[in-house]
Protein backbone atom coordinates (compact mmCIF):
# COMPACT_ATOMS: atom_id res chain seq x y z
CA MET A 1 -23.59 42.86 -8.05
CA MET A 2 -20.23 41.52 -9.12
CA SER A 3 -19.85 38.07 -10.65
CA HIS A 4 -19.04 35.61 -7.89
CA SER A 5 -16.85 33.53 -10.17
CA VAL A 6 -13.12 32.96 -10.29
CA MET A 7 -10.87 31.88 -13.14
CA VAL A 8 -8.09 29.40 -12.34
CA ASP A 9 -5.50 28.41 -14.93
CA VAL A 10 -4.60 24.83 -15.86
CA THR A 11 -1.10 25.27 -14.45
CA THR A 12 -2.59 25.66 -10.97
CA PHE A 13 -4.47 22.36 -11.33
CA ILE A 14 -1.24 20.67 -12.46
CA SER A 15 0.63 21.87 -9.37
CA ALA A 16 -2.28 20.98 -7.05
CA GLU A 17 -2.43 17.45 -8.47
CA GLU A 18 1.27 16.95 -7.80
CA PHE A 19 0.66 17.78 -4.13
CA LEU A 20 -2.24 15.33 -3.92
CA LEU A 21 -0.23 12.52 -5.50
CA SER A 22 2.65 13.16 -3.08
CA GLN A 23 0.24 12.54 -0.19
CA ASN A 24 -0.85 9.08 -1.32
CA HIS A 25 1.95 7.35 0.60
CA ARG A 26 2.26 6.06 4.14
CA THR A 27 4.90 8.73 4.61
CA PRO A 28 4.06 11.65 2.30
CA LEU A 29 6.72 12.43 -0.27
CA ARG A 30 8.18 15.84 -0.98
CA PRO A 31 6.27 17.18 -4.03
CA ARG A 32 8.39 17.57 -7.14
CA ASP A 33 6.65 20.84 -8.01
CA PRO A 34 7.74 23.51 -5.47
CA PHE A 35 4.48 25.45 -5.93
CA SER A 36 2.25 22.42 -5.36
CA GLU A 37 1.12 23.01 -1.76
CA GLN A 38 0.33 26.68 -2.34
CA CYS A 39 -1.61 25.84 -5.49
CA TYR A 40 -3.53 23.09 -3.71
CA THR A 41 -4.50 25.50 -0.93
CA GLU A 42 -5.60 28.22 -3.32
CA LEU A 43 -7.51 25.79 -5.52
CA ILE A 44 -9.42 24.38 -2.54
CA GLN A 45 -10.30 27.91 -1.41
CA SER A 46 -11.55 28.79 -4.88
CA LEU A 47 -13.68 25.66 -5.07
CA ILE A 48 -15.16 26.27 -1.61
CA TYR A 49 -15.67 30.04 -1.67
CA PHE A 50 -16.81 30.79 -5.22
CA ASP A 51 -20.06 29.90 -6.94
CA GLU A 52 -18.27 29.10 -10.17
CA VAL A 53 -14.69 28.09 -10.98
CA LEU A 54 -13.87 28.71 -14.64
CA VAL A 55 -10.86 27.25 -16.46
CA PRO A 56 -9.50 28.96 -19.60
CA HIS A 57 -8.15 26.91 -22.47
CA PRO A 58 -4.85 28.29 -23.79
CA THR A 59 -5.91 28.26 -27.47
CA LYS A 60 -9.70 27.71 -27.69
CA LEU A 61 -12.38 30.27 -26.81
CA ASN A 62 -15.29 27.81 -26.52
CA PRO A 63 -13.69 24.62 -25.24
CA VAL A 64 -15.38 21.49 -23.98
CA PRO A 65 -13.77 19.30 -21.30
CA SER A 66 -12.24 16.91 -23.84
CA ASP A 67 -10.28 19.81 -25.36
CA PHE A 68 -8.13 19.95 -22.22
CA GLY A 69 -6.85 16.41 -22.65
CA GLU A 70 -6.71 13.64 -20.07
CA HIS A 71 -4.28 15.48 -17.80
CA PRO A 72 -4.24 16.86 -15.19
CA ARG A 73 -6.61 14.19 -13.99
CA ILE A 74 -8.14 16.26 -11.19
CA LEU A 75 -9.31 18.79 -13.78
CA ARG A 76 -11.20 16.09 -15.71
CA LEU A 77 -12.70 14.76 -12.47
CA LEU A 78 -13.82 18.23 -11.34
CA PHE A 79 -15.29 18.85 -14.80
CA ASP A 80 -17.25 15.59 -14.47
CA LEU A 81 -18.56 16.72 -11.06
CA HIS A 82 -19.52 20.10 -12.57
CA ILE A 83 -17.50 21.86 -9.90
CA ALA A 84 -15.12 23.37 -12.44
CA LYS A 85 -16.24 24.51 -15.90
CA PRO A 86 -14.43 25.46 -19.10
CA LEU A 87 -14.44 29.22 -19.62
CA CYS A 88 -16.37 30.05 -22.81
CA LEU A 89 -16.87 33.40 -24.52
CA SER A 90 -19.84 34.54 -26.57
CA LEU A 91 -19.40 36.16 -29.99
CA GLU A 92 -19.81 39.60 -28.39
CA GLU A 93 -17.23 38.75 -25.73
CA GLN A 94 -14.85 37.48 -28.41
CA GLN A 95 -15.02 40.85 -30.14
CA LEU A 96 -14.19 42.59 -26.88
CA LEU A 97 -11.40 40.09 -26.32
CA THR A 98 -9.77 41.01 -29.62
CA ARG A 99 -9.41 44.59 -28.43
CA ALA A 100 -8.21 43.54 -24.97
CA GLU A 101 -5.55 41.22 -26.43
CA ASP A 102 -4.45 43.90 -28.89
CA PHE A 103 -3.88 46.20 -25.92
CA ALA A 104 -1.93 43.51 -24.08
CA MET A 105 0.14 42.79 -27.18
CA ASP A 106 0.94 46.47 -27.60
CA THR A 107 2.08 46.56 -23.96
CA LEU A 108 4.30 43.55 -24.57
CA GLN A 109 5.87 45.08 -27.66
CA THR A 110 6.63 48.36 -25.90
CA THR A 111 7.56 47.36 -22.34
CA GLY A 112 7.52 43.56 -22.33
CA VAL A 113 11.26 42.95 -22.31
CA GLN A 114 11.78 45.54 -19.58
CA THR A 115 9.05 43.89 -17.52
CA LEU A 116 10.63 40.46 -17.95
CA LEU A 117 13.96 41.83 -16.76
CA ARG A 118 12.26 43.67 -13.91
CA PHE A 119 10.54 40.42 -12.94
CA ALA A 120 13.93 38.71 -12.81
CA ASP A 121 15.48 41.59 -10.87
CA VAL A 122 12.65 41.78 -8.33
CA THR A 123 12.93 38.03 -7.82
CA ARG A 124 16.67 38.25 -7.20
CA ARG A 125 16.31 41.14 -4.75
CA ALA A 126 13.51 39.41 -2.87
CA ASP A 127 15.66 36.28 -2.61
CA ARG A 128 18.53 38.28 -1.14
CA GLU A 129 16.22 39.73 1.51
CA VAL A 130 14.85 36.28 2.35
CA GLU A 131 18.36 34.89 2.64
CA GLN A 132 19.51 37.75 4.89
CA GLU A 133 16.51 37.44 7.19
CA HIS A 134 16.22 33.65 7.05
CA ALA A 135 12.53 34.34 6.47
CA GLY A 136 11.43 31.69 4.00
CA GLN A 137 12.03 29.98 0.69
CA ARG A 138 13.88 31.74 -2.11
CA MET A 139 12.07 32.12 -5.42
CA LEU A 140 14.92 31.52 -7.88
CA PRO A 141 15.51 27.89 -6.82
CA LYS A 142 11.74 27.31 -6.90
CA ILE A 143 11.51 28.63 -10.46
CA ALA A 144 14.38 26.40 -11.58
CA LYS A 145 12.87 23.36 -9.86
CA TRP A 146 9.44 24.13 -11.34
CA ALA A 147 10.95 24.39 -14.84
CA ASP A 148 12.67 21.01 -14.43
CA TYR A 149 9.45 19.40 -13.23
CA GLN A 150 7.37 20.89 -16.03
CA PHE A 151 9.85 20.02 -18.75
CA GLU A 152 10.29 16.43 -17.59
CA ASN A 153 6.67 15.61 -16.69
CA ILE A 154 4.26 18.05 -18.37
CA ASN A 155 5.95 18.66 -21.73
CA LYS A 156 4.40 15.54 -23.23
CA ARG A 157 2.10 14.87 -26.17
CA ASP A 158 -0.72 13.57 -23.94
CA HIS A 159 -0.42 16.41 -21.40
CA HIS A 160 0.66 19.90 -22.44
CA GLY A 161 0.67 18.83 -26.09
CA ALA A 162 -3.05 18.02 -25.94
CA ARG A 163 -3.76 21.72 -25.29
CA ILE A 164 -0.92 23.40 -27.17
CA GLY A 165 0.58 21.65 -30.18
CA GLY A 166 3.81 22.51 -31.89
CA ARG A 167 7.39 21.34 -31.58
CA ASP A 168 8.36 23.66 -28.73
CA GLY A 169 5.06 23.64 -26.82
CA VAL A 170 4.43 27.34 -27.48
CA GLU A 171 1.40 28.83 -29.22
CA ASP A 172 1.71 29.92 -32.85
CA ASP A 173 -0.09 33.24 -32.32
CA TYR A 174 1.29 36.71 -31.57
CA PHE A 175 1.85 35.92 -27.89
CA GLY A 176 3.82 32.80 -28.74
CA LYS A 177 5.88 34.58 -31.36
CA TRP A 178 6.74 37.33 -28.87
CA ALA A 179 7.74 34.71 -26.27
CA ARG A 180 10.10 33.02 -28.75
CA ALA A 181 11.68 36.28 -29.92
CA SER A 182 12.12 37.79 -26.46
CA SER A 183 13.52 34.64 -24.85
CA PHE A 184 16.08 34.41 -27.67
CA ALA A 185 16.99 38.11 -27.38
CA ILE A 186 17.61 38.08 -23.61
CA GLU A 187 18.72 34.46 -23.23
CA GLY A 188 21.94 35.48 -21.52
CA LEU A 189 20.16 37.72 -19.03
CA LEU A 190 17.75 34.94 -18.05
CA ARG A 191 20.46 32.40 -17.26
CA GLU A 192 20.39 33.23 -13.56
CA LEU A 193 16.71 32.27 -13.50
CA ILE A 194 17.07 29.15 -15.67
CA PRO A 195 20.30 28.06 -17.39
CA ASP A 196 18.69 25.87 -20.07
CA ARG A 197 17.59 27.79 -23.20
CA GLU A 198 14.57 25.57 -23.94
CA GLN A 199 13.36 25.87 -20.37
CA GLN A 200 13.79 29.66 -20.59
CA LEU A 201 11.35 29.69 -23.52
CA TRP A 202 8.96 27.49 -21.55
CA LEU A 203 9.08 29.92 -18.63
CA VAL A 204 8.61 33.05 -20.78
CA ALA A 205 5.69 31.46 -22.65
CA THR A 206 4.10 30.49 -19.32
CA LEU A 207 4.42 34.05 -18.01
CA VAL A 208 3.10 35.63 -21.22
CA ARG A 209 0.13 33.26 -21.28
CA SER A 210 -1.09 34.95 -18.10
CA LEU A 211 -1.71 38.12 -20.13
CA ARG A 212 -4.01 36.22 -22.45
CA TYR A 213 -5.90 34.84 -19.44
CA SER A 214 -6.06 38.27 -17.81
CA SER A 215 -7.64 39.68 -20.95
CA ARG A 216 -10.30 36.95 -20.88
CA ALA A 217 -11.01 37.59 -17.21
CA LYS A 218 -11.54 41.29 -17.88
CA VAL A 219 -13.89 40.60 -20.76
CA LYS A 220 -15.78 37.98 -18.74
CA ASP A 221 -15.78 40.25 -15.64
CA VAL A 222 -14.47 37.55 -13.33
CA ALA A 223 -11.58 37.41 -10.89
CA TYR A 224 -8.41 35.66 -12.08
CA THR A 225 -6.01 33.99 -9.66
CA PRO A 226 -2.85 33.25 -11.66
CA HIS A 227 -0.51 30.44 -10.76
CA PRO A 228 1.95 31.79 -8.14
CA LEU A 229 4.77 31.73 -10.69
CA ARG A 230 2.78 34.08 -12.93
CA ARG A 231 1.38 36.38 -10.30
CA ASP A 232 4.07 39.06 -10.03
CA PHE A 233 4.43 39.20 -13.80
CA ALA A 234 0.67 39.63 -14.30
CA VAL A 235 0.47 42.32 -11.63
CA MET A 236 3.35 44.21 -13.24
CA PHE A 237 1.31 44.46 -16.41
CA ASP A 238 -1.66 45.70 -14.39
CA LEU A 239 -3.96 43.15 -16.01
CA PHE A 240 -4.93 41.33 -12.84
CA ASP A 241 -8.42 42.45 -11.88
CA ASP A 242 -7.93 43.92 -8.40
CA GLY A 243 -10.97 46.15 -8.02
CA ALA A 244 -12.33 47.01 -4.60
CA PRO A 245 -15.11 44.39 -4.48
CA GLN A 246 -12.72 41.55 -5.31
CA SER A 247 -10.07 42.77 -2.91
CA LEU A 248 -12.67 42.76 -0.16
CA VAL A 249 -13.62 39.18 -0.99
CA ASP A 250 -9.94 38.34 -0.74
CA GLY A 251 -9.81 40.17 2.58
CA VAL A 252 -12.65 38.13 4.03
CA ILE A 253 -11.07 34.89 2.84
CA SER A 254 -7.73 35.98 4.26
CA THR A 255 -9.41 36.68 7.60
CA VAL A 256 -10.91 33.19 7.61
CA ARG A 257 -7.54 31.71 6.75
CA GLY A 258 -5.91 33.61 9.59
CA ILE A 259 -8.15 32.32 12.36
CA PRO A 260 -6.19 29.13 13.15
CA GLY A 261 -2.86 30.94 13.25
CA GLU A 262 -4.27 33.69 15.45
CA ILE A 263 -5.70 31.19 17.93
CA ASP A 264 -2.44 29.27 17.94
CA ARG A 265 -0.46 32.49 18.51
CA ILE A 266 -2.59 33.50 21.50
CA ALA A 267 -2.51 30.00 22.94
CA ALA A 268 1.27 29.81 22.66
CA ALA A 269 1.60 33.14 24.46
CA ARG A 270 -0.03 31.70 27.59
CA PRO A 271 2.53 29.37 29.19
CA GLY A 272 0.17 28.60 32.04
CA ARG A 273 -2.09 26.70 29.67
CA ARG A 274 -0.16 23.58 28.73
CA TYR A 275 -1.83 22.85 25.45
CA PHE A 276 -2.00 24.45 22.05
CA VAL A 277 -4.64 24.66 19.38
CA ARG A 278 -3.00 23.08 16.37
CA GLU A 279 -3.19 24.88 13.05
CA GLN A 280 -5.81 23.49 10.74
CA GLU A 281 -4.61 21.18 8.02
CA LEU A 282 -5.63 21.81 4.44
CA PRO A 283 -8.11 22.75 3.24
CA ILE A 284 -8.83 25.87 5.22
CA LEU A 285 -11.68 25.89 7.77
CA GLY A 286 -10.76 22.46 9.10
CA GLY A 287 -12.16 20.53 6.13
CA ARG A 288 -10.23 17.28 6.22
CA LEU A 289 -10.16 15.62 2.80
CA TRP A 290 -8.28 12.55 4.04
CA VAL A 291 -6.93 10.91 7.16
CA ASN A 292 -3.79 8.86 7.56
CA SER A 293 -5.64 5.57 7.16
CA ASP A 294 -6.74 6.64 3.66
CA ARG A 295 -3.18 6.86 2.40
CA GLN A 296 -1.96 4.19 0.00
CA ARG A 297 -5.23 2.27 0.11
CA TYR A 298 -5.93 3.28 -3.49
CA ASP A 299 -3.99 3.60 -6.71
CA ASP A 300 -3.39 7.18 -7.85
CA ASP A 301 -6.47 7.34 -10.09
CA HIS A 302 -8.84 6.19 -7.35
CA TRP A 303 -7.05 8.39 -4.80
CA LEU A 304 -7.77 11.46 -6.94
CA GLU A 305 -11.39 10.33 -7.38
CA LEU A 306 -11.72 10.02 -3.60
CA ILE A 307 -10.32 13.51 -2.96
CA CYS A 308 -12.41 15.18 -5.67
CA GLY A 309 -15.53 13.51 -4.28
CA ARG A 310 -14.74 14.87 -0.82
CA ILE A 311 -14.13 18.33 -2.27
CA ASP A 312 -17.64 18.09 -3.70
CA GLU A 313 -19.03 17.12 -0.29
CA TYR A 314 -17.17 19.91 1.48
CA ARG A 315 -18.33 22.43 -1.09
CA ALA A 316 -21.91 21.41 -0.26
CA ARG A 317 -21.26 22.01 3.46
CA ALA A 318 -19.93 25.49 2.69
CA VAL A 319 -23.06 26.65 0.84
CA ASP A 320 -24.11 29.11 3.59
CA PHE A 321 -20.75 30.83 3.66
CA ARG A 322 -20.58 30.91 -0.14
CA ARG A 323 -24.08 32.40 -0.29
CA ALA A 324 -23.09 35.13 2.18
CA LEU A 325 -20.09 36.00 0.02
CA SER A 326 -22.04 36.05 -3.23
CA MET A 327 -24.84 38.23 -1.82
CA ALA A 328 -22.46 40.91 -0.56
CA ASP A 329 -22.55 43.84 -2.96
CA THR A 330 -21.04 46.89 -1.25
CA THR A 331 -18.00 47.72 0.83
CA ASP A 332 -20.19 47.79 3.93
CA ASP A 333 -21.53 44.31 3.13
CA TYR A 334 -18.02 42.88 3.03
CA ARG A 335 -16.98 44.72 6.17
CA ARG A 336 -19.96 43.26 8.01
CA LEU A 337 -19.04 39.80 6.75
CA GLU A 338 -15.48 40.28 7.93
CA ILE A 339 -16.79 41.30 11.34
CA ASP A 340 -18.92 38.13 11.37
CA VAL A 341 -15.80 36.09 10.79
CA MET A 342 -13.93 37.87 13.56
CA GLU A 343 -16.81 37.21 15.94
CA VAL A 344 -16.37 33.50 15.25
CA ARG A 345 -12.67 33.81 16.08
CA ASP A 346 -13.39 35.72 19.28
CA GLU A 347 -16.00 33.18 20.33
CA LEU A 348 -13.54 30.37 19.75
CA LEU A 349 -10.91 32.18 21.82
CA ARG A 350 -13.33 32.71 24.70
CA LYS A 351 -14.68 29.19 24.76
CA LEU A 352 -11.24 27.66 24.47
CA GLY A 353 -10.24 29.59 27.56
CA LEU A 354 -7.52 31.55 25.85
CA GLU A 355 -8.74 34.97 26.91
CA SER A 356 -10.42 35.01 30.27
CA ALA A 357 -11.96 31.65 31.13
CA GLN A 358 -10.31 29.85 34.01
CA ALA A 359 -9.54 26.15 33.90
CA ASN A 360 -12.14 24.19 35.86
CA GLU A 361 -11.34 21.22 38.08
CA THR A 362 -11.58 18.69 35.26
CA GLU A 363 -9.39 20.74 32.96
CA THR A 364 -6.81 21.26 35.67
CA ALA A 365 -6.63 17.54 36.32
CA LEU A 366 -6.21 16.87 32.62
CA LEU A 367 -3.56 19.55 32.26
CA ASP A 368 -1.60 17.90 35.05
CA THR A 369 -1.76 14.51 33.36
CA VAL A 370 1.52 13.69 31.66
CA ALA A 371 0.06 11.20 29.17
CA SER A 372 -2.65 13.55 27.97
CA VAL A 373 -2.56 12.62 24.30
CA THR A 374 -4.80 9.86 22.99
CA ALA A 375 -6.18 8.88 19.64
CA ALA A 376 -9.26 10.83 18.66
CA SER A 377 -12.54 9.08 19.38
CA VAL A 378 -14.98 8.42 16.57
CA ASP A 379 -17.19 11.38 17.43
CA ILE A 380 -14.32 13.83 16.83
CA PRO A 381 -13.67 13.45 13.10
CA THR A 382 -10.06 14.51 12.91
CA GLY A 383 -8.16 11.24 12.59
CA VAL A 384 -5.14 12.71 14.42
CA PRO A 385 -4.07 12.60 18.07
CA VAL A 386 -5.69 15.24 20.28
CA THR A 387 -5.38 16.02 23.96
CA GLN A 388 -8.06 14.86 26.34
CA LEU A 389 -8.66 18.50 27.18
CA LEU A 390 -9.51 19.36 23.63
CA LYS A 391 -11.90 16.43 23.51
CA VAL A 392 -13.67 17.95 26.51
CA ALA A 393 -13.59 21.37 24.86
CA TYR A 394 -15.02 19.92 21.66
CA HIS A 395 -18.19 18.67 23.34
CA SER A 396 -18.63 21.95 25.20
CA LEU A 397 -18.13 24.03 22.09
CA ARG A 398 -20.41 21.89 19.97
CA ARG A 399 -23.27 22.51 22.39
CA ARG A 400 -22.73 26.27 22.47
CA LYS A 401 -22.53 27.19 18.78
CA SER A 402 -26.18 28.37 18.94
CA ILE A 403 -24.99 31.69 20.37
CA LEU A 404 -23.90 32.78 16.88
CA ASP A 405 -26.48 34.61 14.81
CA THR A 406 -26.08 33.63 11.18
CA ALA A 407 -25.85 30.42 9.19
CA HIS A 408 -22.47 31.31 7.75
CA GLN A 409 -21.07 32.07 11.22
CA LYS A 410 -22.29 28.71 12.44
CA PHE A 411 -20.66 27.04 9.44
CA LEU A 412 -17.29 28.63 10.25
CA TYR A 413 -17.61 27.77 13.93
CA ARG A 414 -18.63 24.19 13.26
CA GLU A 415 -15.80 23.61 10.78
CA PHE A 416 -13.12 24.97 13.09
CA ILE A 417 -14.39 22.76 15.88
CA ARG A 418 -14.24 19.76 13.56
CA GLY A 419 -10.52 20.43 13.23
CA ILE A 420 -9.80 20.43 16.97
């Protein structure tokens, strides 16, 4: 059976914290880190879906929480709650790591510069396609904005400097030396990504650090989810563990994540039904870590404590689904789990009347009511406005969840209903 653990790098926690801090305002601010919302989403999924979330230290092989410094604060809080744990390697694993890092270093020395340039070229080409199709955010501006944010806010003695010393914030090992040499050699070619030379080094060192983490993940036999900035680079070096079992776990999680959008798509395609099922807010599965009335009631430290405590509570609610994931061992096991998830989606669609159910007299009357939006009542824990119809649907659905067979199906069903 594969290890049901996942390794998440410190950079992901930094981005996720920036998103959380941006939300502690009456009107949420735009996060300064352009990767913050994605990192927050992925971090919450990791904490909910995996038995163990391991965090590698950039320079130590057997770190304790204090070795990571006081920042990011959510990392220290999650360490204290024993939800996240420092990744540690035994003496035997350290010997295996030496060989794995030697292989990664050899790859860097032979094809590293070409891969860096290919990374830049792929990013540029992808941006052109996005711009032509008006299909989303371009990556180059995000990289530049991320570099500015990191250099101004993270490149400090009590933050990044607590984990990696040195004048330029780059390790003094072979990986760091390669990052310095390569960023100097191709400085002119990287200007389109980032004009500033010091920030170029910061970016290259951040990318190269993913190879060190990938080596540790392979030795430890755990999945590694790099920060989105690092992901393409890590995949290009073929060091991201993407074996069949892990890809199937990702597939199941992706299926879960897709349920709200699929319901919303089907609802929107039926103009005769004048309501829509709103997409779930983060985290996935309708887990609501805060409501509007929570905002700005606390200073930032207590706000982060509040959110981490609710992550802990939500993780406890998800134990049945996490157990189902961790017990799956074969391709067939994961396919069956994926089918279980789809059955939850189909049941939601049926009971919400989006497939074949006809509106009854009460629903019809509500649908014809112009002022059909009211504040949620206390027994629907969403904290956002919902239609009267959905309040009716909520009570009906809550009574009928017993039709599902397994504990993890009931968990999914219950959590989606909590979000309606």
